Amino acid sequence: MHKEKQIKAFRDEVLSLKCERESAREEARKSKELYKQLRRRTEDLEKIVKDQGKSDYGRAVQNPFDIISSLPLCLKRPAHGTLVPIAKKGVQLREYLLSRTDTQAYANTVLFLPGRFSWCTTARTYHHALAFGPTHTFNIQSRQWEKGTFMEPLYGQTREFFYEDKGDVFYSGTYRCIRLDNPIINWPEPGVQGLVPYIMAETALSEDFRNAPCSHAHKGTVSKLYREGVLKLECMGLQCVGFDKELYKHLVAQYQHNSPTKEKKRSASVEEDKARKRKKT
């Protein structure tokens, strides 16, 4: 009887492994199909870009990092290294702001792009930045790539910008969203920090696609296409134009109230250093 149970268990395990193998094959097939569709779409887009480039022949294209780095610094913003955390990584920032009466008014002005922005180094510090989004998104219903509109609603807007760093979320200041003359670029060089191909791929896939059983394989495929320069990015400038001290004060106070004692001491120490620096100046 015990032997029969063992045999049945082995058979069930073999059947389970076969099912997993078939599932993996199906994911690979769908990923390969998506890759072919991407290639075809990319060839069409490259032809359009090439034709457009003929009319722009001879016109110099300036690096977007250089453009934004050359903007004047905002003197209202504290030095980057003195900023303290306002929340832990993974927080639903908009919902977090809505949960407090003293920050509710800011909930619809948030700009928070983990894995989709990079700092423009200015005078050996971080101040202005660049935001990135997919030029096209994949619609699972139509099985087609459609022009993305991630940046369009933001151009000309002023937003409260937040960023992640080493497990924490920080408030960076008030930023103006700037439309660049040549916003379509390839994936930046490996030395550029802040951009995550997998997150960009997730953004480029529709919500239905992101939740599909084979979504992990598709995200990996799209990530590779970004890194190889097959898929392009839309780039937007982020110029620091202010710093809301009241918002910052409320968020820091709430974070310190919710944080362990060690974290409170660290944040308080940074605040004391800032106060000493202000006295010296």
C-alpha atoms as a PDB file:
ATOM      1  CA  MET A   1       0.000   0.000   0.000  1.00  0.00           C
ATOM      2  CA  HIS A   2       2.841   2.362   0.912  1.00  0.00           C
ATOM      3  CA  LYS A   3       4.585   1.537  -2.373  1.00  0.00           C
ATOM      4  CA  GLU A   4       1.441   2.370  -4.357  1.00  0.00           C
ATOM      5  CA  LYS A   5       1.235   5.760  -2.643  1.00  0.00           C
ATOM      6  CA  GLN A   6       4.860   6.423  -3.543  1.00  0.00           C
ATOM      7  CA  ILE A   7       4.258   5.508  -7.179  1.00  0.00           C
ATOM      8  CA  LYS A   8       1.185   7.768  -7.286  1.00  0.00           C
ATOM      9  CA  ALA A   9       3.179  10.617  -5.745  1.00  0.00           C
ATOM     10  CA  PHE A  10       5.918  10.165  -8.362  1.00  0.00           C
ATOM     11  CA  ARG A  11       3.344  10.157 -11.160  1.00  0.00           C
ATOM     12  CA  ASP A  12       1.738  13.333  -9.797  1.00  0.00           C
ATOM     13  CA  GLU A  13       5.143  14.987  -9.601  1.00  0.00           C
ATOM     14  CA  VAL A  14       5.960  13.996 -13.199  1.00  0.00           C
ATOM     15  CA  LEU A  15       2.597  15.351 -14.352  1.00  0.00           C
ATOM     16  CA  SER A  16       3.215  18.606 -12.475  1.00  0.00           C
ATOM     17  CA  LEU A  17       6.662  18.979 -14.055  1.00  0.00           C
ATOM     18  CA  LYS A  18       5.198  18.375 -17.511  1.00  0.00           C
ATOM     19  CA  CYS A  19       2.602  21.088 -16.897  1.00  0.00           C
ATOM     20  CA  GLU A  20       5.317  23.501 -15.760  1.00  0.00           C
ATOM     21  CA  ARG A  21       7.363  22.673 -18.858  1.00  0.00           C
ATOM     22  CA  GLU A  22       4.412  23.323 -21.153  1.00  0.00           C
ATOM     23  CA  SER A  23       3.686  26.578 -19.346  1.00  0.00           C
ATOM     24  CA  ALA A  24       7.312  27.658 -19.792  1.00  0.00           C
ATOM     25  CA  ARG A  25       7.170  26.776 -23.483  1.00  0.00           C
ATOM     26  CA  GLU A  26       3.999  28.842 -23.880  1.00  0.00           C
ATOM     27  CA  GLU A  27       5.610  31.829 -22.160  1.00  0.00           C
ATOM     28  CA  ALA A  28       8.666  31.521 -24.403  1.00  0.00           C
ATOM     29  CA  ARG A  29       6.462  31.316 -27.507  1.00  0.00           C
ATOM     30  CA  LYS A  30       4.493  34.412 -26.529  1.00  0.00           C
ATOM     31  CA  SER A  31       7.659  36.279 -25.665  1.00  0.00           C
ATOM     32  CA  LYS A  32       9.156  35.387 -29.046  1.00  0.00           C
ATOM     33  CA  GLU A  33       5.966  36.544 -30.765  1.00  0.00           C
ATOM     34  CA  LEU A  34       6.080  39.846 -28.880  1.00  0.00           C
ATOM     35  CA  TYR A  35       9.737  40.288 -29.819  1.00  0.00           C
ATOM     36  CA  LYS A  36       8.902  39.879 -33.529  1.00  0.00           C
ATOM     37  CA  GLN A  37       6.069  42.409 -33.257  1.00  0.00           C
ATOM     38  CA  LEU A  38       8.409  44.841 -31.546  1.00  0.00           C
ATOM     39  CA  ARG A  39      11.009  44.412 -34.251  1.00  0.00           C
ATOM     40  CA  ARG A  40       8.486  45.081 -37.018  1.00  0.00           C
ATOM     41  CA  ARG A  41       7.133  48.138 -35.229  1.00  0.00           C
ATOM     42  CA  THR A  42      10.640  49.414 -34.564  1.00  0.00           C
ATOM     43  CA  GLU A  43      11.607  49.119 -38.228  1.00  0.00           C
ATOM     44  CA  ASP A  44       8.558  51.210 -39.160  1.00  0.00           C
ATOM     45  CA  LEU A  45       9.409  53.821 -36.526  1.00  0.00           C
ATOM     46  CA  GLU A  46      13.056  53.949 -37.577  1.00  0.00           C
ATOM     47  CA  LYS A  47      12.001  54.627 -41.159  1.00  0.00           C
ATOM     48  CA  ILE A  48       9.845  57.546 -39.978  1.00  0.00           C
ATOM     49  CA  VAL A  49      12.701  58.886 -37.855  1.00  0.00           C
ATOM     50  CA  LYS A  50      15.152  58.493 -40.735  1.00  0.00           C
ATOM     51  CA  ASP A  51      12.874  60.400 -43.110  1.00  0.00           C
ATOM     52  CA  GLN A  52      12.389  63.112 -40.496  1.00  0.00           C
ATOM     53  CA  GLY A  53      16.120  63.273 -39.954  1.00  0.00           C
ATOM     54  CA  LYS A  54      16.721  64.161 -43.589  1.00  0.00           C
ATOM     55  CA  SER A  55      14.853  67.424 -43.125  1.00  0.00           C
ATOM     56  CA  ASP A  56      16.845  68.143 -39.935  1.00  0.00           C
ATOM     57  CA  TYR A  57      20.203  67.309 -41.498  1.00  0.00           C
ATOM     58  CA  GLY A  58      23.034  69.448 -40.174  1.00  0.00           C
ATOM     59  CA  ARG A  59      21.177  70.632 -37.087  1.00  0.00           C
ATOM     60  CA  ALA A  60      23.126  69.830 -33.925  1.00  0.00           C
ATOM     61  CA  VAL A  61      21.271  67.873 -31.250  1.00  0.00           C
ATOM     62  CA  GLN A  62      22.364  68.806 -27.734  1.00  0.00           C
ATOM     63  CA  ASN A  63      22.519  66.240 -24.954  1.00  0.00           C
ATOM     64  CA  PRO A  64      19.413  66.656 -22.718  1.00  0.00           C
ATOM     65  CA  PHE A  65      21.555  66.240 -19.591  1.00  0.00           C
ATOM     66  CA  ASP A  66      23.676  69.215 -20.681  1.00  0.00           C
ATOM     67  CA  ILE A  67      20.585  71.314 -21.432  1.00  0.00           C
ATOM     68  CA  ILE A  68      18.997  70.823 -18.006  1.00  0.00           C
ATOM     69  CA  SER A  69      22.306  70.996 -16.120  1.00  0.00           C
ATOM     70  CA  SER A  70      22.902  74.483 -17.554  1.00  0.00           C
ATOM     71  CA  LEU A  71      19.740  75.900 -15.932  1.00  0.00           C
ATOM     72  CA  PRO A  72      20.239  78.200 -12.916  1.00  0.00           C
ATOM     73  CA  LEU A  73      20.018  76.622  -9.474  1.00  0.00           C
ATOM     74  CA  CYS A  74      17.079  77.353  -7.186  1.00  0.00           C
ATOM     75  CA  LEU A  75      18.460  79.022  -4.067  1.00  0.00           C
ATOM     76  CA  LYS A  76      15.335  78.158  -2.055  1.00  0.00           C
ATOM     77  CA  ARG A  77      16.144  74.448  -2.151  1.00  0.00           C
ATOM     78  CA  PRO A  78      18.330  73.099   0.685  1.00  0.00           C
ATOM     79  CA  ALA A  79      21.560  71.346  -0.264  1.00  0.00           C
ATOM     80  CA  HIS A  80      20.773  67.866  -1.569  1.00  0.00           C
ATOM     81  CA  GLY A  81      22.844  66.107   1.086  1.00  0.00           C
ATOM     82  CA  THR A  82      20.911  67.757   3.923  1.00  0.00           C
ATOM     83  CA  LEU A  83      17.497  66.419   2.876  1.00  0.00           C
ATOM     84  CA  VAL A  84      16.035  63.816   5.244  1.00  0.00           C
ATOM     85  CA  PRO A  85      13.567  60.989   4.444  1.00  0.00           C
ATOM     86  CA  ILE A  86       9.827  61.576   4.555  1.00  0.00           C
ATOM     87  CA  ALA A  87       8.685  57.953   4.065  1.00  0.00           C
ATOM     88  CA  LYS A  88       9.912  54.426   3.460  1.00  0.00           C
ATOM     89  CA  LYS A  89      10.296  52.901   0.000  1.00  0.00           C
ATOM     90  CA  GLY A  90       7.103  51.239  -1.226  1.00  0.00           C
ATOM     91  CA  VAL A  91       4.752  53.872   0.173  1.00  0.00           C
ATOM     92  CA  GLN A  92       1.703  54.773  -1.919  1.00  0.00           C
ATOM     93  CA  LEU A  93       2.632  58.428  -1.920  1.00  0.00           C
ATOM     94  CA  ARG A  94      -0.620  59.957  -3.143  1.00  0.00           C
ATOM     95  CA  GLU A  95      -2.694  57.927  -0.677  1.00  0.00           C
ATOM     96  CA  TYR A  96      -0.222  58.783   2.079  1.00  0.00           C
ATOM     97  CA  LEU A  97      -0.651  62.518   1.447  1.00  0.00           C
ATOM     98  CA  LEU A  98      -4.432  62.164   1.287  1.00  0.00           C
ATOM     99  CA  SER A  99      -4.476  60.458   4.686  1.00  0.00           C
ATOM    100  CA  ARG A 100      -3.348  63.642   6.450  1.00  0.00           C
ATOM    101  CA  THR A 101      -5.275  66.917   6.607  1.00  0.00           C
ATOM    102  CA  ASP A 102      -2.104  69.028   6.466  1.00  0.00           C
ATOM    103  CA  THR A 103      -0.900  67.388   3.213  1.00  0.00           C
ATOM    104  CA  GLN A 104      -4.155  66.553   1.386  1.00  0.00           C
ATOM    105  CA  ALA A 105      -3.917  69.642  -0.827  1.00  0.00           C
ATOM    106  CA  TYR A 106      -0.665  68.320  -2.326  1.00  0.00           C
ATOM    107  CA  ALA A 107      -1.940  64.876  -3.348  1.00  0.00           C
ATOM    108  CA  ASN A 108      -2.728  65.881  -6.938  1.00  0.00           C
ATOM    109  CA  THR A 109       0.527  67.772  -7.454  1.00  0.00           C
ATOM    110  CA  VAL A 110       2.864  64.830  -6.793  1.00  0.00           C
ATOM    111  CA  LEU A 111       5.466  63.706  -9.324  1.00  0.00           C
ATOM    112  CA  PHE A 112       7.045  60.425  -8.231  1.00  0.00           C
ATOM    113  CA  LEU A 113       8.858  58.312 -10.839  1.00  0.00           C
ATOM    114  CA  PRO A 114      10.884  55.486  -9.228  1.00  0.00           C
ATOM    115  CA  GLY A 115      13.126  53.877 -11.840  1.00  0.00           C
ATOM    116  CA  ARG A 116      12.166  56.475 -14.451  1.00  0.00           C
ATOM    117  CA  PHE A 117      14.286  59.534 -13.707  1.00  0.00           C
ATOM    118  CA  SER A 118      17.932  60.514 -13.460  1.00  0.00           C
ATOM    119  CA  TRP A 119      19.707  63.438 -11.817  1.00  0.00           C
ATOM    120  CA  CYS A 120      21.581  66.027 -13.859  1.00  0.00           C
ATOM    121  CA  THR A 121      24.784  66.575 -11.911  1.00  0.00           C
ATOM    122  CA  THR A 122      25.257  70.307 -11.324  1.00  0.00           C
ATOM    123  CA  ALA A 123      28.319  71.664  -9.515  1.00  0.00           C
ATOM    124  CA  ARG A 124      28.951  68.176  -8.086  1.00  0.00           C
ATOM    125  CA  THR A 125      25.494  67.976  -6.551  1.00  0.00           C
ATOM    126  CA  TYR A 126      21.965  66.864  -7.490  1.00  0.00           C
ATOM    127  CA  HIS A 127      19.453  69.582  -8.299  1.00  0.00           C
ATOM    128  CA  HIS A 128      17.673  69.390 -11.665  1.00  0.00           C
ATOM    129  CA  ALA A 129      16.694  66.075 -13.269  1.00  0.00           C
ATOM    130  CA  LEU A 130      15.348  64.285 -16.331  1.00  0.00           C
ATOM    131  CA  ALA A 131      12.215  62.129 -16.398  1.00  0.00           C
ATOM    132  CA  PHE A 132      11.706  59.305 -18.893  1.00  0.00           C
ATOM    133  CA  GLY A 133       8.718  57.456 -20.305  1.00  0.00           C
ATOM    134  CA  PRO A 134       7.951  54.989 -23.114  1.00  0.00           C
ATOM    135  CA  THR A 135       7.260  56.493 -26.534  1.00  0.00           C
ATOM    136  CA  HIS A 136       4.790  53.633 -27.157  1.00  0.00           C
ATOM    137  CA  THR A 137       2.715  51.232 -25.061  1.00  0.00           C
ATOM    138  CA  PHE A 138       1.566  47.739 -25.962  1.00  0.00           C
ATOM    139  CA  ASN A 139      -2.209  47.184 -25.941  1.00  0.00           C
ATOM    140  CA  ILE A 140      -3.040  43.557 -25.157  1.00  0.00           C
ATOM    141  CA  GLN A 141      -6.533  43.856 -26.643  1.00  0.00           C
ATOM    142  CA  SER A 142      -5.468  45.086 -30.075  1.00  0.00           C
ATOM    143  CA  ARG A 143      -2.032  43.405 -29.912  1.00  0.00           C
ATOM    144  CA  GLN A 144      -0.607  46.651 -31.241  1.00  0.00           C
ATOM    145  CA  TRP A 145       1.893  49.262 -30.110  1.00  0.00           C
ATOM    146  CA  GLU A 146       0.243  52.635 -29.616  1.00  0.00           C
ATOM    147  CA  LYS A 147       1.782  56.076 -29.168  1.00  0.00           C
ATOM    148  CA  GLY A 148       2.269  56.822 -25.469  1.00  0.00           C
ATOM    149  CA  THR A 149       1.116  60.052 -23.841  1.00  0.00           C
ATOM    150  CA  PHE A 150       2.845  59.831 -20.459  1.00  0.00           C
ATOM    151  CA  MET A 151       4.617  63.172 -20.665  1.00  0.00           C
ATOM    152  CA  GLU A 152       2.104  65.246 -22.622  1.00  0.00           C
ATOM    153  CA  PRO A 153      -0.183  66.150 -19.657  1.00  0.00           C
ATOM    154  CA  LEU A 154       2.864  67.198 -17.610  1.00  0.00           C
ATOM    155  CA  TYR A 155       4.518  69.675 -19.964  1.00  0.00           C
ATOM    156  CA  GLY A 156       4.367  73.190 -18.558  1.00  0.00           C
ATOM    157  CA  GLN A 157       3.076  71.931 -15.197  1.00  0.00           C
ATOM    158  CA  THR A 158       4.694  72.613 -11.817  1.00  0.00           C
ATOM    159  CA  ARG A 159       4.814  69.582  -9.500  1.00  0.00           C
ATOM    160  CA  GLU A 160       6.111  68.559  -6.083  1.00  0.00           C
ATOM    161  CA  PHE A 161       8.861  66.075  -6.936  1.00  0.00           C
ATOM    162  CA  PHE A 162       9.758  63.052  -4.788  1.00  0.00           C
ATOM    163  CA  TYR A 163      12.440  60.406  -5.262  1.00  0.00           C
ATOM    164  CA  GLU A 164      13.681  57.129  -3.763  1.00  0.00           C
ATOM    165  CA  ASP A 165      17.172  56.544  -2.400  1.00  0.00           C
ATOM    166  CA  LYS A 166      18.485  53.545  -0.436  1.00  0.00           C
ATOM    167  CA  GLY A 167      15.135  52.360   0.846  1.00  0.00           C
ATOM    168  CA  ASP A 168      13.729  55.795   1.672  1.00  0.00           C
ATOM    169  CA  VAL A 169      11.559  58.400  -0.063  1.00  0.00           C
ATOM    170  CA  PHE A 170      12.635  62.053  -0.107  1.00  0.00           C
ATOM    171  CA  TYR A 171      10.957  65.338  -1.021  1.00  0.00           C
ATOM    172  CA  SER A 172      13.157  67.175  -3.536  1.00  0.00           C
ATOM    173  CA  GLY A 173      11.231  70.397  -4.148  1.00  0.00           C
ATOM    174  CA  THR A 174       8.931  72.119  -6.628  1.00  0.00           C
ATOM    175  CA  TYR A 175       9.812  71.313 -10.242  1.00  0.00           C
ATOM    176  CA  ARG A 176       8.738  72.653 -13.627  1.00  0.00           C
ATOM    177  CA  CYS A 177       8.187  70.055 -16.378  1.00  0.00           C
ATOM    178  CA  ILE A 178      10.024  71.168 -19.521  1.00  0.00           C
ATOM    179  CA  ARG A 179       9.445  70.011 -23.093  1.00  0.00           C
ATOM    180  CA  LEU A 180      12.757  69.444 -24.889  1.00  0.00           C
ATOM    181  CA  ASP A 181      13.315  70.229 -28.574  1.00  0.00           C
ATOM    182  CA  ASN A 182      14.446  66.641 -29.218  1.00  0.00           C
ATOM    183  CA  PRO A 183      12.733  64.507 -26.566  1.00  0.00           C
ATOM    184  CA  ILE A 184      13.103  61.065 -28.222  1.00  0.00           C
ATOM    185  CA  ILE A 185      16.326  59.329 -27.222  1.00  0.00           C
ATOM    186  CA  ASN A 186      17.918  55.891 -26.915  1.00  0.00           C
ATOM    187  CA  TRP A 187      18.463  54.280 -23.538  1.00  0.00           C
ATOM    188  CA  PRO A 188      21.235  56.341 -21.863  1.00  0.00           C
ATOM    189  CA  GLU A 189      24.717  55.028 -21.205  1.00  0.00           C
ATOM    190  CA  PRO A 190      25.220  52.457 -18.410  1.00  0.00           C
ATOM    191  CA  GLY A 191      26.795  55.123 -16.181  1.00  0.00           C
ATOM    192  CA  VAL A 192      23.492  57.018 -15.926  1.00  0.00           C
ATOM    193  CA  GLN A 193      21.906  56.189 -12.563  1.00  0.00           C
ATOM    194  CA  GLY A 194      18.238  56.003 -11.645  1.00  0.00           C
ATOM    195  CA  LEU A 195      16.799  54.302 -14.720  1.00  0.00           C
ATOM    196  CA  VAL A 196      15.596  50.699 -14.413  1.00  0.00           C
ATOM    197  CA  PRO A 197      14.830  48.856 -17.704  1.00  0.00           C
ATOM    198  CA  TYR A 198      12.401  46.429 -16.035  1.00  0.00           C
ATOM    199  CA  ILE A 199      10.310  49.289 -14.590  1.00  0.00           C
ATOM    200  CA  MET A 200      10.274  51.053 -17.961  1.00  0.00           C
ATOM    201  CA  ALA A 201       9.130  47.813 -19.596  1.00  0.00           C
ATOM    202  CA  GLU A 202       6.354  47.451 -17.023  1.00  0.00           C
ATOM    203  CA  THR A 203       5.214  51.006 -17.809  1.00  0.00           C
ATOM    204  CA  ALA A 204       5.171  50.251 -21.537  1.00  0.00           C
ATOM    205  CA  LEU A 205       2.827  47.272 -21.115  1.00  0.00           C
ATOM    206  CA  SER A 206      -0.882  47.797 -20.551  1.00  0.00           C
ATOM    207  CA  GLU A 207      -2.326  46.851 -17.152  1.00  0.00           C
ATOM    208  CA  ASP A 208      -3.933  43.698 -18.573  1.00  0.00           C
ATOM    209  CA  PHE A 209      -0.583  42.636 -19.972  1.00  0.00           C
ATOM    210  CA  ARG A 210       1.278  43.361 -16.714  1.00  0.00           C
ATOM    211  CA  ASN A 211      -1.085  41.035 -14.851  1.00  0.00           C
ATOM    212  CA  ALA A 212      -1.006  38.225 -17.432  1.00  0.00           C
ATOM    213  CA  PRO A 213       0.571  34.856 -16.435  1.00  0.00           C
ATOM    214  CA  CYS A 214       3.408  35.352 -18.932  1.00  0.00           C
ATOM    215  CA  SER A 215       4.048  39.001 -17.983  1.00  0.00           C
ATOM    216  CA  HIS A 216       7.475  38.315 -16.464  1.00  0.00           C
ATOM    217  CA  ALA A 217       8.802  36.951 -19.761  1.00  0.00           C
ATOM    218  CA  HIS A 218       7.365  39.907 -21.682  1.00  0.00           C
ATOM    219  CA  LYS A 219       8.888  42.436 -19.290  1.00  0.00           C
ATOM    220  CA  GLY A 220      12.253  40.760 -19.727  1.00  0.00           C
ATOM    221  CA  THR A 221      11.916  40.932 -23.511  1.00  0.00           C
ATOM    222  CA  VAL A 222      10.916  44.598 -23.518  1.00  0.00           C
ATOM    223  CA  SER A 223      13.696  45.445 -21.021  1.00  0.00           C
ATOM    224  CA  LYS A 224      16.244  43.966 -23.405  1.00  0.00           C
ATOM    225  CA  LEU A 225      14.862  45.973 -26.313  1.00  0.00           C
ATOM    226  CA  TYR A 226      15.248  49.197 -24.318  1.00  0.00           C
ATOM    227  CA  ARG A 227      18.845  48.400 -23.411  1.00  0.00           C
ATOM    228  CA  GLU A 228      19.655  47.528 -27.033  1.00  0.00           C
ATOM    229  CA  GLY A 229      18.205  50.817 -28.262  1.00  0.00           C
ATOM    230  CA  VAL A 230      15.446  49.135 -30.266  1.00  0.00           C
ATOM    231  CA  LEU A 231      12.750  50.863 -28.218  1.00  0.00           C
ATOM    232  CA  LYS A 232      13.068  54.605 -27.629  1.00  0.00           C
ATOM    233  CA  LEU A 233      12.377  56.835 -24.631  1.00  0.00           C
ATOM    234  CA  GLU A 234      10.659  60.185 -24.307  1.00  0.00           C
ATOM    235  CA  CYS A 235      12.710  62.547 -22.170  1.00  0.00           C
ATOM    236  CA  MET A 236      11.368  65.497 -20.136  1.00  0.00           C
ATOM    237  CA  GLY A 237      13.330  68.139 -18.238  1.00  0.00           C
ATOM    238  CA  LEU A 238      12.684  68.737 -14.535  1.00  0.00           C
ATOM    239  CA  GLN A 239      13.830  72.168 -13.348  1.00  0.00           C
ATOM    240  CA  CYS A 240      13.802  72.922  -9.625  1.00  0.00           C
ATOM    241  CA  VAL A 241      11.994  76.257  -9.149  1.00  0.00           C
ATOM    242  CA  GLY A 242      11.121  76.153  -5.453  1.00  0.00           C
ATOM    243  CA  PHE A 243      10.892  74.237  -2.204  1.00  0.00           C
ATOM    244  CA  ASP A 244       7.733  74.029  -0.094  1.00  0.00           C
ATOM    245  CA  LYS A 245       9.038  74.280   3.465  1.00  0.00           C
ATOM    246  CA  GLU A 246       5.612  73.713   5.033  1.00  0.00           C
ATOM    247  CA  LEU A 247       5.056  70.475   3.120  1.00  0.00           C
ATOM    248  CA  TYR A 248       8.565  69.302   3.977  1.00  0.00           C
ATOM    249  CA  LYS A 249       8.106  70.150   7.669  1.00  0.00           C
ATOM    250  CA  HIS A 250       4.802  68.243   7.903  1.00  0.00           C
ATOM    251  CA  LEU A 251       6.186  65.165   6.133  1.00  0.00           C
ATOM    252  CA  VAL A 252       9.416  65.019   8.147  1.00  0.00           C
ATOM    253  CA  ALA A 253       7.517  65.411  11.422  1.00  0.00           C
ATOM    254  CA  GLN A 254       5.116  62.610  10.505  1.00  0.00           C
ATOM    255  CA  TYR A 255       7.952  60.325   9.417  1.00  0.00           C
ATOM    256  CA  GLN A 256       9.912  60.905  12.613  1.00  0.00           C
ATOM    257  CA  HIS A 257       6.764  60.306  14.660  1.00  0.00           C
ATOM    258  CA  ASN A 258       6.259  56.912  12.967  1.00  0.00           C
ATOM    259  CA  SER A 259       9.949  55.933  12.861  1.00  0.00           C
ATOM    260  CA  PRO A 260      12.014  53.924  15.359  1.00  0.00           C
ATOM    261  CA  THR A 261      14.153  55.908  17.815  1.00  0.00           C
ATOM    262  CA  LYS A 262      17.345  55.300  15.820  1.00  0.00           C
ATOM    263  CA  GLU A 263      15.814  56.823  12.704  1.00  0.00           C
ATOM    264  CA  LYS A 264      14.553  59.820  14.675  1.00  0.00           C
ATOM    265  CA  LYS A 265      18.040  60.474  16.031  1.00  0.00           C
ATOM    266  CA  ARG A 266      19.568  60.284  12.549  1.00  0.00           C
ATOM    267  CA  SER A 267      17.022  62.719  11.098  1.00  0.00           C
ATOM    268  CA  ALA A 268      17.423  65.070  14.073  1.00  0.00           C
ATOM    269  CA  SER A 269      21.207  64.991  13.626  1.00  0.00           C
ATOM    270  CA  VAL A 270      20.879  66.019   9.981  1.00  0.00           C
ATOM    271  CA  GLU A 271      18.543  68.858  10.965  1.00  0.00           C
ATOM    272  CA  GLU A 272      21.079  70.050  13.571  1.00  0.00           C
ATOM    273  CA  ASP A 273      23.857  70.007  10.958  1.00  0.00           C
ATOM    274  CA  LYS A 274      21.676  72.121   8.674  1.00  0.00           C
ATOM    275  CA  ALA A 275      21.059  74.630  11.474  1.00  0.00           C
ATOM    276  CA  ARG A 276      24.798  74.925  12.195  1.00  0.00           C
ATOM    277  CA  LYS A 277      25.550  75.515   8.512  1.00  0.00           C
ATOM    278  CA  ARG A 278      22.913  78.250   8.328  1.00  0.00           C
ATOM    279  CA  LYS A 279      24.488  80.025  11.324  1.00  0.00           C
ATOM    280  CA  LYS A 280      27.917  79.950   9.677  1.00  0.00           C
ATOM    281  CA  THR A 281      26.539  81.525   6.498  1.00  0.00           C
END
